[in-house]
């Protein structure tokens, strides 16, 4: 094939400055990954086991935690191996798979945050029709769409990226993303530019919808004390999650698009990793602490384990 790439392996040059403290970094990263898995699995199990939590808001939250495990699984195992390795390489196919997992996980975060915003909008602003609107069939359909759309869109983008002829094999990061692979292309392609542009626009609309929903919810809650309490209990954790995801993604996107080389390698690596660190770690803690039913379920589960 004329458009097939001759590159079979990539070198991840972001590891060059980590050699002198790689054992310390490995220990910290391993502990961090274990904590991420623990807090997300705890929340998932609590929601699955307790039938009283089988409601749309908690089902969406459960899938958000599953998505965190999915995204971090595409990064941390390979990263831990590379920290201790003297050869920081990844196969072309492995790089495409990693970029698919990491990028689709980022998009799925927006999908589930949008669903949670929609759920809160209906619950607070249209409580009389909540159970008819958020019935089990519609909830399952929304969850399915929130998974299949990001994975399907990023699968198409990754397949288009794989058709590029590459003129380089060095990736200046510690993991693979589609944007960096495309930047190694010998010639620009309309399809590989249009597909990511469509994806970014699509999920930016998700962001605008979430912002609109919460502004409308806040406007509604200002008039009723009971609704203000409901907003404080259930919407503040969602807003906190949204802010964390947006800030982390924004820093990473700005870094990828406008990095002039003035930042140190450690700073660039931190900006690249923060989306795979802070949201998967902090979000389950926020929901576990702020949402009373989940907190009570986790406390009762821990009490039973201690007996």
C-alpha atoms as a PDB file:
ATOM      1  CA  UNK A   1       0.000   0.000   0.000  1.00  0.00           C
ATOM      2  CA  UNK A   2       1.298   3.455  -0.903  1.00  0.00           C
ATOM      3  CA  UNK A   3       0.081   5.061   2.292  1.00  0.00           C
ATOM      4  CA  UNK A   4       1.390   2.390   4.642  1.00  0.00           C
ATOM      5  CA  UNK A   5       3.894   3.511   7.237  1.00  0.00           C
ATOM      6  CA  UNK A   6       7.402   2.071   7.315  1.00  0.00           C
ATOM      7  CA  UNK A   7       7.632   2.811  11.044  1.00  0.00           C
ATOM      8  CA  UNK A   8       7.130  -0.250  13.261  1.00  0.00           C
ATOM      9  CA  UNK A   9       8.389   1.100  16.615  1.00  0.00           C
ATOM     10  CA  UNK A  10       8.213   4.447  18.413  1.00  0.00           C
ATOM     11  CA  UNK A  11      10.675   5.847  20.938  1.00  0.00           C
ATOM     12  CA  UNK A  12       9.124   7.651  23.915  1.00  0.00           C
ATOM     13  CA  UNK A  13      11.649  10.413  24.562  1.00  0.00           C
ATOM     14  CA  UNK A  14       9.756  11.812  27.559  1.00  0.00           C
ATOM     15  CA  UNK A  15      11.538   9.291  29.798  1.00  0.00           C
ATOM     16  CA  UNK A  16      15.019  10.703  29.158  1.00  0.00           C
ATOM     17  CA  UNK A  17      15.087  12.858  32.294  1.00  0.00           C
ATOM     18  CA  UNK A  18      13.624  10.236  34.648  1.00  0.00           C
ATOM     19  CA  UNK A  19      16.580   7.875  34.871  1.00  0.00           C
ATOM     20  CA  UNK A  20      18.160   9.438  37.968  1.00  0.00           C
ATOM     21  CA  UNK A  21      15.020   9.079  40.136  1.00  0.00           C
ATOM     22  CA  UNK A  22      13.212   6.227  38.387  1.00  0.00           C
ATOM     23  CA  UNK A  23      12.975   3.949  41.468  1.00  0.00           C
ATOM     24  CA  UNK A  24      11.340   6.661  43.572  1.00  0.00           C
ATOM     25  CA  UNK A  25       8.995   7.525  40.708  1.00  0.00           C
ATOM     26  CA  UNK A  26       8.133   3.861  40.210  1.00  0.00           C
ATOM     27  CA  UNK A  27       7.215   3.460  43.896  1.00  0.00           C
ATOM     28  CA  UNK A  28       5.067   6.617  43.930  1.00  0.00           C
ATOM     29  CA  UNK A  29       3.353   5.717  40.650  1.00  0.00           C
ATOM     30  CA  UNK A  30       2.662   2.149  41.769  1.00  0.00           C
ATOM     31  CA  UNK A  31       1.093   3.324  45.038  1.00  0.00           C
ATOM     32  CA  UNK A  32      -0.915   5.973  43.186  1.00  0.00           C
ATOM     33  CA  UNK A  33      -2.236   3.434  40.666  1.00  0.00           C
ATOM     34  CA  UNK A  34      -3.184   1.020  43.462  1.00  0.00           C
ATOM     35  CA  UNK A  35      -5.114   3.814  45.221  1.00  0.00           C
ATOM     36  CA  UNK A  36      -6.877   4.752  41.950  1.00  0.00           C
ATOM     37  CA  UNK A  37      -7.957   1.134  41.433  1.00  0.00           C
ATOM     38  CA  UNK A  38      -9.007   0.786  45.087  1.00  0.00           C
ATOM     39  CA  UNK A  39     -11.188   3.905  45.322  1.00  0.00           C
ATOM     40  CA  UNK A  40     -12.876   3.319  41.961  1.00  0.00           C
ATOM     41  CA  UNK A  41     -13.526  -0.390  42.588  1.00  0.00           C
ATOM     42  CA  UNK A  42     -14.901   0.418  46.058  1.00  0.00           C
ATOM     43  CA  UNK A  43     -17.393   2.883  44.587  1.00  0.00           C
ATOM     44  CA  UNK A  44     -18.367   0.484  41.793  1.00  0.00           C
ATOM     45  CA  UNK A  45     -18.928  -2.427  44.202  1.00  0.00           C
ATOM     46  CA  UNK A  46     -20.900  -0.236  46.623  1.00  0.00           C
ATOM     47  CA  UNK A  47     -23.283   0.832  43.837  1.00  0.00           C
ATOM     48  CA  UNK A  48     -23.655  -2.689  42.410  1.00  0.00           C
ATOM     49  CA  UNK A  49     -24.240  -4.398  45.780  1.00  0.00           C
ATOM     50  CA  UNK A  50     -26.723  -1.879  47.223  1.00  0.00           C
ATOM     51  CA  UNK A  51     -30.020  -2.123  45.324  1.00  0.00           C
ATOM     52  CA  UNK A  52     -31.148   1.226  46.728  1.00  0.00           C
ATOM     53  CA  UNK A  53     -28.365   2.821  44.643  1.00  0.00           C
ATOM     54  CA  UNK A  54     -29.673   1.357  41.386  1.00  0.00           C
ATOM     55  CA  UNK A  55     -30.851   4.767  40.238  1.00  0.00           C
ATOM     56  CA  UNK A  56     -29.763   6.707  37.123  1.00  0.00           C
ATOM     57  CA  UNK A  57     -27.425   9.112  38.945  1.00  0.00           C
ATOM     58  CA  UNK A  58     -25.520   6.293  40.652  1.00  0.00           C
ATOM     59  CA  UNK A  59     -25.503   4.096  37.539  1.00  0.00           C
ATOM     60  CA  UNK A  60     -23.911   6.956  35.579  1.00  0.00           C
ATOM     61  CA  UNK A  61     -21.423   7.457  38.408  1.00  0.00           C
ATOM     62  CA  UNK A  62     -20.596   3.734  38.382  1.00  0.00           C
ATOM     63  CA  UNK A  63     -19.849   3.922  34.653  1.00  0.00           C
ATOM     64  CA  UNK A  64     -17.728   7.047  35.207  1.00  0.00           C
ATOM     65  CA  UNK A  65     -15.581   5.023  37.635  1.00  0.00           C
ATOM     66  CA  UNK A  66     -15.401   2.097  35.199  1.00  0.00           C
ATOM     67  CA  UNK A  67     -14.221   4.550  32.559  1.00  0.00           C
ATOM     68  CA  UNK A  68     -11.475   5.767  34.933  1.00  0.00           C
ATOM     69  CA  UNK A  69     -10.242   2.180  35.307  1.00  0.00           C
ATOM     70  CA  UNK A  70     -10.402   1.725  31.533  1.00  0.00           C
ATOM     71  CA  UNK A  71      -8.394   4.881  30.789  1.00  0.00           C
ATOM     72  CA  UNK A  72      -5.750   4.358  33.463  1.00  0.00           C
ATOM     73  CA  UNK A  73      -5.285   0.714  32.426  1.00  0.00           C
ATOM     74  CA  UNK A  74      -4.187   2.022  29.026  1.00  0.00           C
ATOM     75  CA  UNK A  75      -1.414   4.069  30.633  1.00  0.00           C
ATOM     76  CA  UNK A  76      -0.124   2.958  34.049  1.00  0.00           C
ATOM     77  CA  UNK A  77       0.984  -0.676  33.386  1.00  0.00           C
ATOM     78  CA  UNK A  78       3.064   0.368  30.367  1.00  0.00           C
ATOM     79  CA  UNK A  79       4.354   3.449  32.199  1.00  0.00           C
ATOM     80  CA  UNK A  80       5.492   1.390  35.214  1.00  0.00           C
ATOM     81  CA  UNK A  81       7.363  -1.019  32.952  1.00  0.00           C
ATOM     82  CA  UNK A  82       9.013   1.835  31.052  1.00  0.00           C
ATOM     83  CA  UNK A  83      10.185   3.571  34.249  1.00  0.00           C
ATOM     84  CA  UNK A  84      12.393   0.593  35.140  1.00  0.00           C
ATOM     85  CA  UNK A  85      13.366  -0.202  31.559  1.00  0.00           C
ATOM     86  CA  UNK A  86      16.426   1.135  29.776  1.00  0.00           C
ATOM     87  CA  UNK A  87      14.626   0.988  26.413  1.00  0.00           C
ATOM     88  CA  UNK A  88      11.555   3.196  26.168  1.00  0.00           C
ATOM     89  CA  UNK A  89       9.909   1.946  22.991  1.00  0.00           C
ATOM     90  CA  UNK A  90       6.407   0.933  21.953  1.00  0.00           C
ATOM     91  CA  UNK A  91       5.219  -0.871  18.850  1.00  0.00           C
ATOM     92  CA  UNK A  92       3.210   0.978  16.220  1.00  0.00           C
ATOM     93  CA  UNK A  93       0.140  -1.166  16.935  1.00  0.00           C
ATOM     94  CA  UNK A  94       0.602  -0.762  20.705  1.00  0.00           C
ATOM     95  CA  UNK A  95       0.884   3.003  20.305  1.00  0.00           C
ATOM     96  CA  UNK A  96      -2.361   3.143  18.324  1.00  0.00           C
ATOM     97  CA  UNK A  97      -4.166   1.004  20.927  1.00  0.00           C
ATOM     98  CA  UNK A  98      -2.872   3.159  23.786  1.00  0.00           C
ATOM     99  CA  UNK A  99      -3.930   6.360  22.053  1.00  0.00           C
ATOM    100  CA  UNK A 100      -7.377   4.859  21.366  1.00  0.00           C
ATOM    101  CA  UNK A 101      -7.877   3.879  25.008  1.00  0.00           C
ATOM    102  CA  UNK A 102      -6.594   7.135  26.530  1.00  0.00           C
ATOM    103  CA  UNK A 103      -8.395   9.430  24.076  1.00  0.00           C
ATOM    104  CA  UNK A 104     -11.709   7.543  24.149  1.00  0.00           C
ATOM    105  CA  UNK A 105     -11.593   7.511  27.958  1.00  0.00           C
ATOM    106  CA  UNK A 106     -11.214  11.308  27.974  1.00  0.00           C
ATOM    107  CA  UNK A 107     -14.215  11.675  25.646  1.00  0.00           C
ATOM    108  CA  UNK A 108     -16.308   9.190  27.639  1.00  0.00           C
ATOM    109  CA  UNK A 109     -15.710  11.306  30.759  1.00  0.00           C
ATOM    110  CA  UNK A 110     -17.534  14.167  29.022  1.00  0.00           C
ATOM    111  CA  UNK A 111     -20.334  11.822  27.943  1.00  0.00           C
ATOM    112  CA  UNK A 112     -21.023  10.611  31.478  1.00  0.00           C
ATOM    113  CA  UNK A 113     -20.696  14.078  32.995  1.00  0.00           C
ATOM    114  CA  UNK A 114     -23.257  15.280  30.429  1.00  0.00           C
ATOM    115  CA  UNK A 115     -25.598  12.418  31.362  1.00  0.00           C
ATOM    116  CA  UNK A 116     -25.231  13.250  35.042  1.00  0.00           C
ATOM    117  CA  UNK A 117     -26.022  16.895  34.308  1.00  0.00           C
ATOM    118  CA  UNK A 118     -29.123  15.845  32.335  1.00  0.00           C
ATOM    119  CA  UNK A 119     -30.210  13.546  35.170  1.00  0.00           C
ATOM    120  CA  UNK A 120     -29.893  16.354  37.743  1.00  0.00           C
ATOM    121  CA  UNK A 121     -31.696  18.789  35.416  1.00  0.00           C
ATOM    122  CA  UNK A 122     -34.704  16.480  35.134  1.00  0.00           C
ATOM    123  CA  UNK A 123     -34.656  15.558  38.851  1.00  0.00           C
ATOM    124  CA  UNK A 124     -34.571  19.169  40.077  1.00  0.00           C
ATOM    125  CA  UNK A 125     -36.323  21.143  37.353  1.00  0.00           C
ATOM    126  CA  UNK A 126     -38.924  18.538  36.284  1.00  0.00           C
ATOM    127  CA  UNK A 127     -39.348  16.247  39.325  1.00  0.00           C
ATOM    128  CA  UNK A 128     -42.907  15.161  38.459  1.00  0.00           C
ATOM    129  CA  UNK A 129     -41.811  13.483  35.218  1.00  0.00           C
ATOM    130  CA  UNK A 130     -38.402  12.258  36.432  1.00  0.00           C
ATOM    131  CA  UNK A 131     -39.275   8.555  36.688  1.00  0.00           C
ATOM    132  CA  UNK A 132     -41.018   8.504  33.321  1.00  0.00           C
ATOM    133  CA  UNK A 133     -38.175  10.340  31.587  1.00  0.00           C
ATOM    134  CA  UNK A 134     -35.325   8.439  33.286  1.00  0.00           C
ATOM    135  CA  UNK A 135     -36.896   5.006  33.022  1.00  0.00           C
ATOM    136  CA  UNK A 136     -34.654   1.888  32.968  1.00  0.00           C
ATOM    137  CA  UNK A 137     -34.887   1.461  29.190  1.00  0.00           C
ATOM    138  CA  UNK A 138     -33.816   5.034  28.471  1.00  0.00           C
ATOM    139  CA  UNK A 139     -31.100   4.869  31.099  1.00  0.00           C
ATOM    140  CA  UNK A 140     -29.609   1.738  29.462  1.00  0.00           C
ATOM    141  CA  UNK A 141     -29.783   3.401  26.051  1.00  0.00           C
ATOM    142  CA  UNK A 142     -28.002   6.520  27.332  1.00  0.00           C
ATOM    143  CA  UNK A 143     -25.262   4.454  28.989  1.00  0.00           C
ATOM    144  CA  UNK A 144     -24.766   2.446  25.803  1.00  0.00           C
ATOM    145  CA  UNK A 145     -24.532   5.631  23.720  1.00  0.00           C
ATOM    146  CA  UNK A 146     -22.084   7.180  26.201  1.00  0.00           C
ATOM    147  CA  UNK A 147     -19.752   4.218  25.659  1.00  0.00           C
ATOM    148  CA  UNK A 148     -20.189   3.481  21.969  1.00  0.00           C
ATOM    149  CA  UNK A 149     -19.946   7.042  20.644  1.00  0.00           C
ATOM    150  CA  UNK A 150     -16.518   7.921  22.144  1.00  0.00           C
ATOM    151  CA  UNK A 151     -15.014   4.518  21.373  1.00  0.00           C
ATOM    152  CA  UNK A 152     -16.497   4.498  17.855  1.00  0.00           C
ATOM    153  CA  UNK A 153     -15.385   8.041  17.041  1.00  0.00           C
ATOM    154  CA  UNK A 154     -11.863   7.515  18.364  1.00  0.00           C
ATOM    155  CA  UNK A 155     -11.648   4.137  16.609  1.00  0.00           C
ATOM    156  CA  UNK A 156     -12.356   5.883  13.291  1.00  0.00           C
ATOM    157  CA  UNK A 157      -9.811   8.611  14.095  1.00  0.00           C
ATOM    158  CA  UNK A 158      -7.198   6.002  15.061  1.00  0.00           C
ATOM    159  CA  UNK A 159      -7.815   4.011  11.868  1.00  0.00           C
ATOM    160  CA  UNK A 160      -7.379   7.184   9.807  1.00  0.00           C
ATOM    161  CA  UNK A 161      -4.180   7.981  11.705  1.00  0.00           C
ATOM    162  CA  UNK A 162      -2.846   4.492  10.955  1.00  0.00           C
ATOM    163  CA  UNK A 163      -3.042   5.200   7.197  1.00  0.00           C
ATOM    164  CA  UNK A 164      -0.501   8.035   7.410  1.00  0.00           C
ATOM    165  CA  UNK A 165       3.023   7.623   6.110  1.00  0.00           C
ATOM    166  CA  UNK A 166       5.253   8.702   8.959  1.00  0.00           C
ATOM    167  CA  UNK A 167       8.562  10.541   8.651  1.00  0.00           C
ATOM    168  CA  UNK A 168       9.666  10.096  12.258  1.00  0.00           C
ATOM    169  CA  UNK A 169       9.551   7.588  15.080  1.00  0.00           C
ATOM    170  CA  UNK A 170      10.272   9.717  18.172  1.00  0.00           C
ATOM    171  CA  UNK A 171       7.357  10.725  20.383  1.00  0.00           C
ATOM    172  CA  UNK A 172       8.197  13.533  22.790  1.00  0.00           C
ATOM    173  CA  UNK A 173       5.849  12.223  25.494  1.00  0.00           C
ATOM    174  CA  UNK A 174       5.634   9.356  27.958  1.00  0.00           C
ATOM    175  CA  UNK A 175       2.619   7.810  26.216  1.00  0.00           C
ATOM    176  CA  UNK A 176       0.922   7.847  22.823  1.00  0.00           C
ATOM    177  CA  UNK A 177      -1.918  10.093  21.668  1.00  0.00           C
ATOM    178  CA  UNK A 178      -3.335  10.482  18.166  1.00  0.00           C
ATOM    179  CA  UNK A 179      -2.311  14.127  17.864  1.00  0.00           C
ATOM    180  CA  UNK A 180       1.377  13.358  18.396  1.00  0.00           C
ATOM    181  CA  UNK A 181       1.298  10.426  15.949  1.00  0.00           C
ATOM    182  CA  UNK A 182      -0.324  12.636  13.308  1.00  0.00           C
ATOM    183  CA  UNK A 183       2.348  15.287  13.861  1.00  0.00           C
ATOM    184  CA  UNK A 184       4.903  12.736  12.595  1.00  0.00           C
ATOM    185  CA  UNK A 185       3.080  12.413   9.275  1.00  0.00           C
ATOM    186  CA  UNK A 186       5.064  13.298   6.136  1.00  0.00           C
ATOM    187  CA  UNK A 187       2.143  15.153   4.558  1.00  0.00           C
ATOM    188  CA  UNK A 188      -1.059  16.582   6.082  1.00  0.00           C
ATOM    189  CA  UNK A 189      -4.305  14.748   5.352  1.00  0.00           C
ATOM    190  CA  UNK A 190      -7.762  16.315   5.188  1.00  0.00           C
ATOM    191  CA  UNK A 191      -9.414  13.243   6.733  1.00  0.00           C
ATOM    192  CA  UNK A 192      -7.034  13.119   9.705  1.00  0.00           C
ATOM    193  CA  UNK A 193      -7.653  16.838  10.327  1.00  0.00           C
ATOM    194  CA  UNK A 194     -11.440  16.738   9.891  1.00  0.00           C
ATOM    195  CA  UNK A 195     -12.056  13.710  12.135  1.00  0.00           C
ATOM    196  CA  UNK A 196     -10.336  15.099  15.287  1.00  0.00           C
ATOM    197  CA  UNK A 197     -11.851  18.535  14.618  1.00  0.00           C
ATOM    198  CA  UNK A 198     -15.314  16.960  14.548  1.00  0.00           C
ATOM    199  CA  UNK A 199     -14.593  15.040  17.787  1.00  0.00           C
ATOM    200  CA  UNK A 200     -13.361  18.154  19.599  1.00  0.00           C
ATOM    201  CA  UNK A 201     -16.410  20.142  18.438  1.00  0.00           C
ATOM    202  CA  UNK A 202     -18.782  17.331  19.419  1.00  0.00           C
ATOM    203  CA  UNK A 203     -17.462  17.123  22.979  1.00  0.00           C
ATOM    204  CA  UNK A 204     -17.161  20.877  23.311  1.00  0.00           C
ATOM    205  CA  UNK A 205     -20.932  20.889  22.736  1.00  0.00           C
ATOM    206  CA  UNK A 206     -21.177  18.393  25.619  1.00  0.00           C
ATOM    207  CA  UNK A 207     -19.309  20.890  27.776  1.00  0.00           C
ATOM    208  CA  UNK A 208     -21.608  23.758  26.758  1.00  0.00           C
ATOM    209  CA  UNK A 209     -24.654  21.611  27.518  1.00  0.00           C
ATOM    210  CA  UNK A 210     -23.335  20.744  30.998  1.00  0.00           C
ATOM    211  CA  UNK A 211     -22.655  24.419  31.749  1.00  0.00           C
ATOM    212  CA  UNK A 212     -26.126  25.428  30.505  1.00  0.00           C
ATOM    213  CA  UNK A 213     -27.782  22.670  32.562  1.00  0.00           C
ATOM    214  CA  UNK A 214     -26.124  23.675  35.815  1.00  0.00           C
ATOM    215  CA  UNK A 215     -26.802  27.376  35.273  1.00  0.00           C
ATOM    216  CA  UNK A 216     -30.474  26.542  34.723  1.00  0.00           C
ATOM    217  CA  UNK A 217     -30.470  24.275  37.787  1.00  0.00           C
ATOM    218  CA  UNK A 218     -28.890  27.001  39.925  1.00  0.00           C
ATOM    219  CA  UNK A 219     -31.449  29.513  38.677  1.00  0.00           C
ATOM    220  CA  UNK A 220     -34.233  27.141  39.658  1.00  0.00           C
ATOM    221  CA  UNK A 221     -32.718  26.327  43.042  1.00  0.00           C
ATOM    222  CA  UNK A 222     -32.412  29.972  44.073  1.00  0.00           C
ATOM    223  CA  UNK A 223     -36.182  30.199  44.485  1.00  0.00           C
ATOM    224  CA  UNK A 224     -36.736  27.144  46.723  1.00  0.00           C
ATOM    225  CA  UNK A 225     -34.861  26.194  49.881  1.00  0.00           C
ATOM    226  CA  UNK A 226     -35.569  22.478  49.471  1.00  0.00           C
ATOM    227  CA  UNK A 227     -34.129  22.496  45.955  1.00  0.00           C
ATOM    228  CA  UNK A 228     -31.086  24.435  47.147  1.00  0.00           C
ATOM    229  CA  UNK A 229     -30.334  21.616  49.577  1.00  0.00           C
ATOM    230  CA  UNK A 230     -30.729  19.033  46.810  1.00  0.00           C
ATOM    231  CA  UNK A 231     -28.372  21.050  44.623  1.00  0.00           C
ATOM    232  CA  UNK A 232     -25.749  21.262  47.364  1.00  0.00           C
ATOM    233  CA  UNK A 233     -25.941  17.527  48.061  1.00  0.00           C
ATOM    234  CA  UNK A 234     -25.968  16.087  44.542  1.00  0.00           C
ATOM    235  CA  UNK A 235     -24.856  18.756  42.054  1.00  0.00           C
ATOM    236  CA  UNK A 236     -21.744  20.139  43.750  1.00  0.00           C
ATOM    237  CA  UNK A 237     -19.839  16.827  43.370  1.00  0.00           C
ATOM    238  CA  UNK A 238     -20.731  16.792  39.648  1.00  0.00           C
ATOM    239  CA  UNK A 239     -19.562  20.377  39.221  1.00  0.00           C
ATOM    240  CA  UNK A 240     -16.333  19.575  41.053  1.00  0.00           C
ATOM    241  CA  UNK A 241     -15.715  16.611  38.745  1.00  0.00           C
ATOM    242  CA  UNK A 242     -16.418  18.738  35.702  1.00  0.00           C
ATOM    243  CA  UNK A 243     -13.984  21.452  36.814  1.00  0.00           C
ATOM    244  CA  UNK A 244     -11.239  18.897  37.512  1.00  0.00           C
ATOM    245  CA  UNK A 245     -11.675  17.208  34.118  1.00  0.00           C
ATOM    246  CA  UNK A 246     -11.842  20.504  32.205  1.00  0.00           C
ATOM    247  CA  UNK A 247      -8.774  22.007  33.884  1.00  0.00           C
ATOM    248  CA  UNK A 248      -6.670  18.866  33.385  1.00  0.00           C
ATOM    249  CA  UNK A 249      -7.700  18.465  29.747  1.00  0.00           C
ATOM    250  CA  UNK A 250      -7.253  22.159  29.015  1.00  0.00           C
ATOM    251  CA  UNK A 251      -3.691  22.161  30.325  1.00  0.00           C
ATOM    252  CA  UNK A 252      -2.851  19.070  28.279  1.00  0.00           C
ATOM    253  CA  UNK A 253      -4.417  20.477  25.084  1.00  0.00           C
ATOM    254  CA  UNK A 254      -2.664  23.828  25.487  1.00  0.00           C
ATOM    255  CA  UNK A 255       0.594  22.000  26.109  1.00  0.00           C
ATOM    256  CA  UNK A 256       0.210  19.872  22.968  1.00  0.00           C
ATOM    257  CA  UNK A 257      -0.871  22.751  20.726  1.00  0.00           C
ATOM    258  CA  UNK A 258       1.309  25.616  21.915  1.00  0.00           C
ATOM    259  CA  UNK A 259       4.351  24.069  23.606  1.00  0.00           C
ATOM    260  CA  UNK A 260       7.327  26.177  22.526  1.00  0.00           C
ATOM    261  CA  UNK A 261       9.949  24.031  24.218  1.00  0.00           C
ATOM    262  CA  UNK A 262      10.456  26.520  27.067  1.00  0.00           C
ATOM    263  CA  UNK A 263       9.003  24.185  29.686  1.00  0.00           C
ATOM    264  CA  UNK A 264      11.255  21.641  31.342  1.00  0.00           C
ATOM    265  CA  UNK A 265      10.762  17.980  30.473  1.00  0.00           C
ATOM    266  CA  UNK A 266       9.475  17.241  33.985  1.00  0.00           C
ATOM    267  CA  UNK A 267       6.872  20.007  33.661  1.00  0.00           C
ATOM    268  CA  UNK A 268       5.749  18.704  30.254  1.00  0.00           C
ATOM    269  CA  UNK A 269       5.452  15.169  31.627  1.00  0.00           C
ATOM    270  CA  UNK A 270       3.388  16.388  34.579  1.00  0.00           C
ATOM    271  CA  UNK A 271       1.006  18.272  32.288  1.00  0.00           C
ATOM    272  CA  UNK A 272       0.660  15.171  30.120  1.00  0.00           C
ATOM    273  CA  UNK A 273      -0.069  12.844  33.032  1.00  0.00           C
ATOM    274  CA  UNK A 274      -2.405  14.979  35.164  1.00  0.00           C
ATOM    275  CA  UNK A 275      -5.577  13.926  33.308  1.00  0.00           C
ATOM    276  CA  UNK A 276      -4.707  10.298  34.092  1.00  0.00           C
ATOM    277  CA  UNK A 277      -3.931  11.159  37.708  1.00  0.00           C
ATOM    278  CA  UNK A 278      -6.285  13.714  39.256  1.00  0.00           C
ATOM    279  CA  UNK A 279      -9.780  12.866  37.893  1.00  0.00           C
ATOM    280  CA  UNK A 280      -9.497   9.059  38.461  1.00  0.00           C
ATOM    281  CA  UNK A 281      -8.110   9.662  41.951  1.00  0.00           C
ATOM    282  CA  UNK A 282     -10.116  12.641  43.214  1.00  0.00           C
ATOM    283  CA  UNK A 283     -13.556  12.075  41.670  1.00  0.00           C
ATOM    284  CA  UNK A 284     -14.369   8.821  43.549  1.00  0.00           C
ATOM    285  CA  UNK A 285     -13.227  10.454  46.793  1.00  0.00           C
ATOM    286  CA  UNK A 286     -15.507  13.447  46.168  1.00  0.00           C
ATOM    287  CA  UNK A 287     -18.542  11.258  45.469  1.00  0.00           C
ATOM    288  CA  UNK A 288     -17.742   8.855  48.303  1.00  0.00           C
ATOM    289  CA  UNK A 289     -17.598  11.731  50.790  1.00  0.00           C
ATOM    290  CA  UNK A 290     -20.313  14.082  49.503  1.00  0.00           C
ATOM    291  CA  UNK A 291     -23.070  11.633  48.457  1.00  0.00           C
ATOM    292  CA  UNK A 292     -24.598  10.400  51.701  1.00  0.00           C
ATOM    293  CA  UNK A 293     -26.089   7.080  50.416  1.00  0.00           C
ATOM    294  CA  UNK A 294     -22.730   6.005  48.968  1.00  0.00           C
ATOM    295  CA  UNK A 295     -20.831   7.139  52.065  1.00  0.00           C
ATOM    296  CA  UNK A 296     -23.195   5.189  54.311  1.00  0.00           C
ATOM    297  CA  UNK A 297     -22.909   2.077  52.157  1.00  0.00           C
ATOM    298  CA  UNK A 298     -19.094   2.208  52.152  1.00  0.00           C
ATOM    299  CA  UNK A 299     -19.017   2.754  55.933  1.00  0.00           C
ATOM    300  CA  UNK A 300     -21.304  -0.234  56.553  1.00  0.00           C
ATOM    301  CA  UNK A 301     -19.186  -2.352  54.188  1.00  0.00           C
ATOM    302  CA  UNK A 302     -15.985  -1.392  56.037  1.00  0.00           C
ATOM    303  CA  UNK A 303     -17.621  -2.144  59.392  1.00  0.00           C
ATOM    304  CA  UNK A 304     -18.583  -5.617  58.208  1.00  0.00           C
ATOM    305  CA  UNK A 305     -15.027  -6.266  57.006  1.00  0.00           C
ATOM    306  CA  UNK A 306     -13.605  -5.255  60.391  1.00  0.00           C
ATOM    307  CA  UNK A 307     -15.799  -7.759  62.284  1.00  0.00           C
END
